[in-house]
C-alpha cells in the first residue's frame, strides 16, 4: 500500500487474500472495525475497574431497595431480582479482566484485536499463520488506519 493511499476495508481484504477476497472477509473486517478502532481515552484498565466496582456497588445496594420497599409495604419491580441474579454471574467475568498494574507500558488492546482479526483471516484464507511475513503486517497496519477512520466518521461532527 502506498504511503499516501487511503486505507479502506476493501484494501485490507485485498492485502489479506491472494485472489479476490471472499465476501465473508470483508464482512468480518466490517464487523470488527468499531471494536478495533474504539478508544477509551486511557491505556490502563480503568474502564474494567469502574465496571467491576459498579457491579459490586449494585450487588451490595440493590437489596436495600428491596428491603425498603418491603418495609413500607410496596412491591418492588421483579427486574431487581433478575439484575441481582445476573450480577452474580457478571462479577466473576469482570474480575478476571482486571490486570494488576505493571511498571511497563500498558498493552493496547485495540492493536491486539486488530492483529488477531487480520491473523485469523490470514490463517483461514491461506491455511497457516505467517506472523513474520511483511504482508500481514502491511494488512494489519492498513486495517488499523481504516478502523480509526471508521470511528472518526461515526463521531458527531463538532462545529
N, C-alpha and C. Protein backbone atom coordinates (compact mmCIF):
# COMPACT_ATOMS: atom_id res chain seq x y z
N UNK A 1 0.84 -1.17 0.00
CA UNK A 1 0.00 0.00 0.00
C UNK A 1 0.88 1.23 0.00
N UNK A 2 0.56 2.20 -0.82
CA UNK A 2 1.33 3.44 -0.88
C UNK A 2 1.08 4.25 0.38
N UNK A 3 2.11 5.00 0.76
CA UNK A 3 2.02 5.79 2.00
C UNK A 3 0.90 6.82 1.92
N UNK A 4 0.62 7.37 0.74
CA UNK A 4 -0.39 8.41 0.62
C UNK A 4 -1.78 7.84 0.30
N UNK A 5 -1.88 6.53 0.09
CA UNK A 5 -3.17 5.91 -0.22
C UNK A 5 -4.03 5.83 1.03
N UNK A 6 -5.33 6.03 0.85
CA UNK A 6 -6.26 5.95 1.96
C UNK A 6 -6.60 4.49 2.22
N UNK A 7 -6.42 4.06 3.46
CA UNK A 7 -6.73 2.68 3.82
C UNK A 7 -8.24 2.50 3.89
N UNK A 8 -8.72 1.48 3.21
CA UNK A 8 -10.14 1.12 3.27
C UNK A 8 -10.23 -0.35 3.63
N UNK A 9 -11.39 -0.77 4.04
CA UNK A 9 -11.58 -2.18 4.38
C UNK A 9 -11.42 -3.06 3.14
N UNK A 10 -11.78 -2.54 1.99
CA UNK A 10 -11.60 -3.29 0.74
C UNK A 10 -10.12 -3.50 0.44
N UNK A 11 -9.31 -2.46 0.71
CA UNK A 11 -7.86 -2.56 0.52
C UNK A 11 -7.28 -3.61 1.46
N UNK A 12 -7.73 -3.61 2.70
CA UNK A 12 -7.25 -4.59 3.68
C UNK A 12 -7.62 -6.00 3.23
N UNK A 13 -8.85 -6.19 2.77
CA UNK A 13 -9.28 -7.51 2.30
C UNK A 13 -8.41 -7.97 1.14
N UNK A 14 -8.07 -7.06 0.23
CA UNK A 14 -7.21 -7.42 -0.90
C UNK A 14 -5.80 -7.78 -0.43
N UNK A 15 -5.31 -7.11 0.62
CA UNK A 15 -3.98 -7.42 1.15
C UNK A 15 -3.95 -8.78 1.85
N UNK A 16 -5.06 -9.16 2.44
CA UNK A 16 -5.10 -10.42 3.19
C UNK A 16 -5.32 -11.65 2.30
N UNK A 17 -5.91 -11.44 1.13
CA UNK A 17 -6.28 -12.57 0.27
C UNK A 17 -5.44 -12.58 -1.01
N UNK A 18 -5.02 -13.79 -1.45
CA UNK A 18 -4.21 -13.88 -2.66
C UNK A 18 -4.99 -13.59 -3.93
N UNK A 19 -6.28 -13.78 -3.92
CA UNK A 19 -7.11 -13.52 -5.09
C UNK A 19 -8.28 -12.65 -4.62
N UNK A 20 -9.25 -12.39 -5.48
CA UNK A 20 -10.37 -11.58 -5.00
C UNK A 20 -10.91 -12.15 -3.67
N UNK A 21 -11.02 -11.28 -2.66
CA UNK A 21 -11.42 -11.78 -1.34
C UNK A 21 -12.85 -12.29 -1.31
N UNK A 22 -13.07 -13.38 -0.58
CA UNK A 22 -14.45 -13.84 -0.39
C UNK A 22 -15.25 -12.79 0.38
N UNK A 23 -16.54 -12.79 0.23
CA UNK A 23 -17.39 -11.79 0.87
C UNK A 23 -17.30 -11.85 2.39
N UNK A 24 -17.07 -13.03 2.96
CA UNK A 24 -17.01 -13.14 4.42
C UNK A 24 -15.83 -12.37 5.00
N UNK A 25 -14.75 -12.20 4.22
CA UNK A 25 -13.58 -11.47 4.71
C UNK A 25 -13.96 -10.01 4.96
N UNK A 26 -14.58 -9.40 3.98
CA UNK A 26 -15.00 -8.01 4.12
C UNK A 26 -16.04 -7.86 5.23
N UNK A 27 -16.94 -8.84 5.31
CA UNK A 27 -17.96 -8.80 6.38
C UNK A 27 -17.31 -8.86 7.76
N UNK A 28 -16.30 -9.71 7.94
CA UNK A 28 -15.62 -9.82 9.23
C UNK A 28 -14.85 -8.54 9.55
N UNK A 29 -14.20 -7.97 8.54
CA UNK A 29 -13.48 -6.72 8.76
C UNK A 29 -14.45 -5.61 9.17
N UNK A 30 -15.60 -5.53 8.52
CA UNK A 30 -16.60 -4.52 8.87
C UNK A 30 -17.13 -4.75 10.28
N UNK A 31 -17.39 -5.99 10.61
CA UNK A 31 -17.96 -6.33 11.91
C UNK A 31 -17.03 -5.93 13.06
N UNK A 32 -15.73 -6.13 12.88
CA UNK A 32 -14.78 -5.86 13.96
C UNK A 32 -14.21 -4.44 13.96
N UNK A 33 -14.43 -3.69 12.90
CA UNK A 33 -13.85 -2.34 12.80
C UNK A 33 -14.21 -1.42 13.97
N UNK A 34 -15.47 -1.37 14.41
CA UNK A 34 -15.77 -0.49 15.55
C UNK A 34 -15.05 -0.91 16.83
N UNK A 35 -14.86 -2.21 17.02
CA UNK A 35 -14.15 -2.68 18.22
C UNK A 35 -12.67 -2.37 18.16
N UNK A 36 -12.08 -2.56 16.99
CA UNK A 36 -10.65 -2.30 16.83
C UNK A 36 -10.36 -0.81 16.96
N UNK A 37 -11.20 0.02 16.38
CA UNK A 37 -10.97 1.46 16.38
C UNK A 37 -11.43 2.17 17.64
N UNK A 38 -12.16 1.47 18.50
CA UNK A 38 -12.67 2.10 19.72
C UNK A 38 -11.53 2.43 20.66
N UNK A 39 -11.56 3.64 21.21
CA UNK A 39 -10.51 4.06 22.14
C UNK A 39 -11.17 4.69 23.35
N UNK A 40 -10.84 4.21 24.53
CA UNK A 40 -11.46 4.71 25.75
C UNK A 40 -10.84 5.99 26.26
N UNK A 41 -9.70 6.39 25.72
CA UNK A 41 -9.02 7.57 26.20
C UNK A 41 -8.01 7.26 27.29
N UNK A 42 -7.87 6.00 27.60
CA UNK A 42 -6.91 5.59 28.62
C UNK A 42 -6.25 4.29 28.19
N UNK A 43 -5.00 4.14 28.52
CA UNK A 43 -4.29 2.91 28.19
C UNK A 43 -4.25 1.95 29.37
N UNK A 44 -4.89 2.32 30.47
CA UNK A 44 -4.89 1.44 31.64
C UNK A 44 -6.19 0.64 31.65
N UNK A 45 -6.40 -0.09 32.72
CA UNK A 45 -7.63 -0.86 32.81
C UNK A 45 -8.66 -0.14 33.69
N UNK A 46 -8.67 1.20 33.60
CA UNK A 46 -9.62 2.00 34.38
C UNK A 46 -11.06 1.62 34.09
N UNK A 47 -11.38 1.38 32.83
CA UNK A 47 -12.75 1.04 32.46
C UNK A 47 -13.16 -0.27 33.13
N UNK A 48 -12.29 -1.28 33.06
CA UNK A 48 -12.59 -2.55 33.67
C UNK A 48 -12.77 -2.41 35.18
N UNK A 49 -11.94 -1.60 35.82
CA UNK A 49 -12.05 -1.37 37.26
C UNK A 49 -13.37 -0.68 37.60
N UNK A 50 -13.76 0.30 36.79
CA UNK A 50 -15.01 1.01 37.05
C UNK A 50 -16.22 0.10 36.84
N UNK A 51 -16.18 -0.73 35.80
CA UNK A 51 -17.28 -1.67 35.59
C UNK A 51 -17.40 -2.65 36.76
N UNK A 52 -16.27 -3.16 37.21
CA UNK A 52 -16.25 -4.10 38.33
C UNK A 52 -16.77 -3.43 39.61
N UNK A 53 -16.28 -2.22 39.88
CA UNK A 53 -16.73 -1.51 41.08
C UNK A 53 -18.22 -1.19 41.01
N UNK A 54 -18.71 -0.85 39.83
CA UNK A 54 -20.14 -0.55 39.66
C UNK A 54 -20.98 -1.80 39.89
N UNK A 55 -20.53 -2.92 39.38
CA UNK A 55 -21.26 -4.17 39.58
C UNK A 55 -21.30 -4.54 41.07
N UNK A 56 -20.17 -4.38 41.76
CA UNK A 56 -20.15 -4.65 43.20
C UNK A 56 -21.08 -3.71 43.95
N UNK A 57 -21.09 -2.44 43.55
CA UNK A 57 -21.95 -1.45 44.18
C UNK A 57 -23.43 -1.84 44.02
N UNK A 58 -23.80 -2.21 42.81
CA UNK A 58 -25.19 -2.64 42.58
C UNK A 58 -25.52 -3.89 43.38
N UNK A 59 -24.60 -4.84 43.39
CA UNK A 59 -24.84 -6.09 44.14
C UNK A 59 -25.08 -5.79 45.62
N UNK A 60 -24.33 -4.83 46.17
CA UNK A 60 -24.44 -4.53 47.59
C UNK A 60 -25.66 -3.67 47.93
N UNK A 61 -26.08 -2.78 47.01
CA UNK A 61 -27.13 -1.83 47.33
C UNK A 61 -28.51 -2.17 46.79
N UNK A 62 -28.63 -3.00 45.80
CA UNK A 62 -29.97 -3.38 45.32
C UNK A 62 -30.81 -4.06 46.39
N UNK A 63 -30.23 -4.90 47.24
CA UNK A 63 -31.05 -5.49 48.31
C UNK A 63 -31.65 -4.43 49.25
N UNK A 64 -30.98 -3.30 49.41
CA UNK A 64 -31.53 -2.22 50.23
C UNK A 64 -32.82 -1.69 49.62
N UNK A 65 -32.88 -1.62 48.33
CA UNK A 65 -34.08 -1.19 47.62
C UNK A 65 -35.23 -2.14 47.92
N UNK A 66 -34.93 -3.44 47.90
CA UNK A 66 -35.95 -4.46 48.19
C UNK A 66 -36.42 -4.33 49.62
N UNK A 67 -35.48 -4.21 50.56
CA UNK A 67 -35.86 -4.11 51.98
C UNK A 67 -36.69 -2.86 52.24
N UNK A 68 -36.30 -1.75 51.63
CA UNK A 68 -37.05 -0.51 51.82
C UNK A 68 -38.48 -0.65 51.29
N UNK A 69 -38.62 -1.26 50.15
CA UNK A 69 -39.95 -1.46 49.57
C UNK A 69 -40.80 -2.36 50.47
N UNK A 70 -40.19 -3.41 51.01
CA UNK A 70 -40.92 -4.31 51.89
C UNK A 70 -41.31 -3.62 53.20
N UNK A 71 -40.44 -2.75 53.71
CA UNK A 71 -40.72 -2.05 54.97
C UNK A 71 -41.91 -1.12 54.84
N UNK A 72 -42.07 -0.50 53.69
CA UNK A 72 -43.21 0.41 53.53
C UNK A 72 -44.40 -0.26 52.87
N UNK A 73 -44.27 -1.56 52.63
CA UNK A 73 -45.40 -2.33 52.11
C UNK A 73 -45.67 -2.16 50.64
N UNK A 74 -44.67 -1.81 49.88
CA UNK A 74 -44.85 -1.67 48.44
C UNK A 74 -44.16 -2.82 47.71
N UNK A 75 -44.62 -3.04 46.51
CA UNK A 75 -43.98 -4.05 45.65
C UNK A 75 -42.75 -3.43 45.00
N UNK A 76 -41.76 -4.22 44.80
CA UNK A 76 -40.60 -3.75 44.05
C UNK A 76 -40.61 -4.45 42.70
N UNK A 77 -40.02 -3.81 41.69
CA UNK A 77 -40.05 -4.40 40.34
C UNK A 77 -39.32 -5.75 40.32
N UNK A 78 -39.87 -6.74 39.61
CA UNK A 78 -39.22 -8.05 39.53
C UNK A 78 -37.85 -8.00 38.84
N UNK A 79 -37.59 -6.95 38.08
CA UNK A 79 -36.30 -6.85 37.40
C UNK A 79 -35.15 -6.70 38.41
N UNK A 80 -35.45 -6.26 39.63
CA UNK A 80 -34.41 -6.13 40.65
C UNK A 80 -33.83 -7.52 40.96
N UNK A 81 -34.70 -8.51 41.08
CA UNK A 81 -34.23 -9.89 41.32
C UNK A 81 -33.44 -10.41 40.12
N UNK A 82 -33.92 -10.10 38.92
CA UNK A 82 -33.22 -10.55 37.72
C UNK A 82 -31.84 -9.92 37.61
N UNK A 83 -31.75 -8.63 37.92
CA UNK A 83 -30.47 -7.94 37.86
C UNK A 83 -29.52 -8.50 38.92
N UNK A 84 -30.03 -8.75 40.12
CA UNK A 84 -29.20 -9.30 41.19
C UNK A 84 -28.64 -10.66 40.79
N UNK A 85 -29.46 -11.50 40.20
CA UNK A 85 -29.00 -12.82 39.74
C UNK A 85 -27.97 -12.67 38.63
N UNK A 86 -28.23 -11.77 37.70
CA UNK A 86 -27.29 -11.56 36.59
C UNK A 86 -25.96 -11.00 37.10
N UNK A 87 -26.00 -10.16 38.12
CA UNK A 87 -24.76 -9.61 38.68
C UNK A 87 -23.89 -10.71 39.28
N UNK A 88 -24.50 -11.70 39.88
CA UNK A 88 -23.73 -12.81 40.46
C UNK A 88 -22.98 -13.57 39.36
N UNK A 89 -23.52 -13.59 38.15
CA UNK A 89 -22.84 -14.22 37.03
C UNK A 89 -21.80 -13.27 36.42
N UNK A 90 -22.12 -11.98 36.40
CA UNK A 90 -21.27 -11.00 35.73
C UNK A 90 -20.01 -10.64 36.52
N UNK A 91 -20.11 -10.55 37.82
CA UNK A 91 -18.99 -10.09 38.65
C UNK A 91 -17.73 -10.93 38.45
N UNK A 92 -17.80 -12.26 38.46
CA UNK A 92 -16.57 -13.04 38.21
C UNK A 92 -15.98 -12.80 36.81
N UNK A 93 -16.84 -12.56 35.83
CA UNK A 93 -16.36 -12.29 34.47
C UNK A 93 -15.61 -10.97 34.44
N UNK A 94 -16.16 -9.95 35.08
CA UNK A 94 -15.49 -8.65 35.13
C UNK A 94 -14.19 -8.72 35.94
N UNK A 95 -14.18 -9.51 36.99
CA UNK A 95 -13.00 -9.62 37.85
C UNK A 95 -11.81 -10.21 37.10
N UNK A 96 -12.07 -11.16 36.23
CA UNK A 96 -10.94 -11.81 35.53
C UNK A 96 -10.28 -10.89 34.50
N UNK A 97 -10.96 -9.81 34.09
CA UNK A 97 -10.39 -8.89 33.10
C UNK A 97 -9.53 -7.79 33.73
N UNK A 98 -9.51 -7.74 35.06
CA UNK A 98 -8.71 -6.71 35.73
C UNK A 98 -7.28 -7.20 35.85
N UNK A 99 -6.38 -6.40 35.30
CA UNK A 99 -4.95 -6.76 35.32
C UNK A 99 -4.26 -5.97 36.43
N UNK A 100 -3.34 -6.60 37.11
CA UNK A 100 -2.59 -5.83 38.11
C UNK A 100 -1.73 -4.78 37.40
N UNK A 101 -1.51 -3.65 38.05
CA UNK A 101 -0.69 -2.61 37.42
C UNK A 101 0.74 -3.09 37.20
N UNK A 102 1.32 -2.65 36.10
CA UNK A 102 2.69 -3.01 35.76
C UNK A 102 3.52 -1.76 35.64
N UNK A 103 4.81 -1.93 35.80
CA UNK A 103 5.72 -0.79 35.65
C UNK A 103 5.97 -0.47 34.18
N UNK A 104 5.69 -1.43 33.30
CA UNK A 104 5.95 -1.22 31.88
C UNK A 104 4.76 -0.54 31.21
N UNK A 105 4.93 -0.28 29.92
CA UNK A 105 3.89 0.35 29.11
C UNK A 105 2.67 -0.57 29.03
N UNK A 106 1.46 -0.05 29.22
CA UNK A 106 0.27 -0.89 29.16
C UNK A 106 0.03 -1.44 27.75
N UNK A 107 -0.64 -2.56 27.69
CA UNK A 107 -0.96 -3.22 26.42
C UNK A 107 -2.10 -2.46 25.75
N UNK A 108 -1.99 -2.22 24.46
CA UNK A 108 -3.06 -1.60 23.70
C UNK A 108 -3.95 -2.72 23.16
N UNK A 109 -5.11 -2.89 23.79
CA UNK A 109 -6.00 -3.98 23.41
C UNK A 109 -6.56 -3.82 22.00
N UNK A 110 -6.72 -2.58 21.54
CA UNK A 110 -7.19 -2.35 20.18
C UNK A 110 -6.21 -2.87 19.15
N UNK A 111 -4.93 -2.65 19.39
CA UNK A 111 -3.90 -3.16 18.48
C UNK A 111 -3.87 -4.69 18.49
N UNK A 112 -4.03 -5.27 19.67
CA UNK A 112 -4.04 -6.74 19.76
C UNK A 112 -5.25 -7.32 19.01
N UNK A 113 -6.40 -6.70 19.17
CA UNK A 113 -7.58 -7.17 18.46
C UNK A 113 -7.41 -7.01 16.96
N UNK A 114 -6.81 -5.90 16.53
CA UNK A 114 -6.54 -5.66 15.12
C UNK A 114 -5.68 -6.79 14.56
N UNK A 115 -4.60 -7.11 15.26
CA UNK A 115 -3.71 -8.19 14.82
C UNK A 115 -4.43 -9.53 14.82
N UNK A 116 -5.26 -9.77 15.82
CA UNK A 116 -5.99 -11.05 15.90
C UNK A 116 -6.96 -11.21 14.74
N UNK A 117 -7.66 -10.14 14.38
CA UNK A 117 -8.61 -10.20 13.26
C UNK A 117 -7.86 -10.49 11.96
N UNK A 118 -6.79 -9.74 11.71
CA UNK A 118 -6.03 -9.92 10.47
C UNK A 118 -5.39 -11.30 10.40
N UNK A 119 -4.78 -11.72 11.50
CA UNK A 119 -4.12 -13.02 11.50
C UNK A 119 -5.13 -14.17 11.37
N UNK A 120 -6.29 -14.00 11.99
CA UNK A 120 -7.34 -15.02 11.86
C UNK A 120 -7.81 -15.18 10.42
N UNK A 121 -8.04 -14.06 9.75
CA UNK A 121 -8.45 -14.10 8.34
C UNK A 121 -7.33 -14.70 7.50
N UNK A 122 -6.10 -14.26 7.74
CA UNK A 122 -4.94 -14.78 7.00
C UNK A 122 -4.87 -16.30 7.12
N UNK A 123 -5.05 -16.81 8.35
CA UNK A 123 -4.98 -18.25 8.59
C UNK A 123 -6.10 -18.99 7.85
N UNK A 124 -7.31 -18.44 7.89
CA UNK A 124 -8.43 -19.11 7.22
C UNK A 124 -8.27 -19.12 5.70
N UNK A 125 -7.77 -18.02 5.15
CA UNK A 125 -7.63 -17.90 3.70
C UNK A 125 -6.46 -18.72 3.19
N UNK A 126 -5.34 -18.69 3.91
CA UNK A 126 -4.10 -19.31 3.42
C UNK A 126 -3.76 -20.64 4.08
N UNK A 127 -4.49 -21.01 5.12
CA UNK A 127 -4.27 -22.31 5.74
C UNK A 127 -3.20 -22.34 6.82
N UNK A 128 -2.44 -21.27 6.98
CA UNK A 128 -1.42 -21.22 8.03
C UNK A 128 -1.11 -19.77 8.38
N UNK A 129 -0.60 -19.60 9.59
CA UNK A 129 -0.17 -18.28 10.01
C UNK A 129 1.22 -18.00 9.46
N UNK A 130 1.48 -16.77 9.16
CA UNK A 130 2.80 -16.33 8.73
C UNK A 130 3.10 -15.01 9.44
N UNK A 131 3.28 -15.08 10.77
CA UNK A 131 3.40 -13.83 11.54
C UNK A 131 4.65 -13.01 11.23
N UNK A 132 5.65 -13.62 10.60
CA UNK A 132 6.88 -12.87 10.32
C UNK A 132 6.93 -12.36 8.88
N UNK A 133 5.87 -12.58 8.13
CA UNK A 133 5.80 -12.08 6.77
C UNK A 133 5.39 -10.61 6.80
N UNK A 134 6.00 -9.77 5.98
CA UNK A 134 5.61 -8.36 5.96
C UNK A 134 4.21 -8.13 5.38
N UNK A 135 3.67 -9.09 4.64
CA UNK A 135 2.34 -8.89 4.05
C UNK A 135 1.25 -8.78 5.11
N UNK A 136 1.18 -9.70 6.09
CA UNK A 136 0.14 -9.49 7.12
C UNK A 136 0.38 -8.24 7.96
N UNK A 137 1.64 -7.85 8.13
CA UNK A 137 1.93 -6.62 8.87
C UNK A 137 1.34 -5.42 8.13
N UNK A 138 1.54 -5.41 6.82
CA UNK A 138 1.01 -4.31 6.00
C UNK A 138 -0.52 -4.29 6.08
N UNK A 139 -1.12 -5.47 6.00
CA UNK A 139 -2.58 -5.57 6.08
C UNK A 139 -3.07 -5.10 7.45
N UNK A 140 -2.37 -5.48 8.49
CA UNK A 140 -2.75 -5.09 9.85
C UNK A 140 -2.65 -3.58 10.04
N UNK A 141 -1.59 -3.00 9.54
CA UNK A 141 -1.43 -1.55 9.64
C UNK A 141 -2.54 -0.83 8.87
N UNK A 142 -2.85 -1.33 7.68
CA UNK A 142 -3.91 -0.72 6.87
C UNK A 142 -5.26 -0.87 7.57
N UNK A 143 -5.49 -2.03 8.21
CA UNK A 143 -6.75 -2.26 8.92
C UNK A 143 -6.86 -1.31 10.11
N UNK A 144 -5.77 -1.10 10.82
CA UNK A 144 -5.77 -0.18 11.96
C UNK A 144 -6.17 1.22 11.51
N UNK A 145 -5.56 1.69 10.43
CA UNK A 145 -5.86 3.03 9.91
C UNK A 145 -7.31 3.09 9.44
N UNK A 146 -7.77 2.05 8.75
CA UNK A 146 -9.15 2.02 8.26
C UNK A 146 -10.15 2.02 9.41
N UNK A 147 -9.85 1.28 10.46
CA UNK A 147 -10.74 1.22 11.62
C UNK A 147 -10.83 2.56 12.32
N UNK A 148 -9.71 3.24 12.44
CA UNK A 148 -9.72 4.56 13.06
C UNK A 148 -10.54 5.54 12.23
N UNK A 149 -10.44 5.43 10.91
CA UNK A 149 -11.23 6.33 10.07
C UNK A 149 -12.71 5.98 10.15
N UNK A 150 -13.05 4.71 10.33
CA UNK A 150 -14.46 4.31 10.52
C UNK A 150 -15.00 4.98 11.78
N UNK A 151 -14.22 4.94 12.86
CA UNK A 151 -14.64 5.55 14.11
C UNK A 151 -14.80 7.06 13.95
N UNK A 152 -13.85 7.71 13.30
CA UNK A 152 -13.92 9.16 13.12
C UNK A 152 -15.14 9.57 12.31
N UNK A 153 -15.52 8.74 11.33
CA UNK A 153 -16.69 9.07 10.51
C UNK A 153 -17.98 8.94 11.31
N UNK A 154 -18.00 8.09 12.34
CA UNK A 154 -19.23 7.87 13.11
C UNK A 154 -19.38 8.85 14.27
N UNK A 155 -18.31 9.57 14.63
CA UNK A 155 -18.38 10.53 15.72
C UNK A 155 -19.20 11.73 15.28
N UNK A 156 -19.94 12.34 16.21
CA UNK A 156 -20.68 13.56 15.84
C UNK A 156 -19.71 14.67 15.47
N UNK A 157 -20.07 15.42 14.46
CA UNK A 157 -19.21 16.49 13.97
C UNK A 157 -19.37 17.71 14.88
N UNK A 158 -18.26 18.22 15.36
CA UNK A 158 -18.25 19.41 16.18
C UNK A 158 -17.97 20.61 15.29
N UNK A 159 -18.82 21.61 15.37
CA UNK A 159 -18.68 22.78 14.51
C UNK A 159 -17.90 23.86 15.21
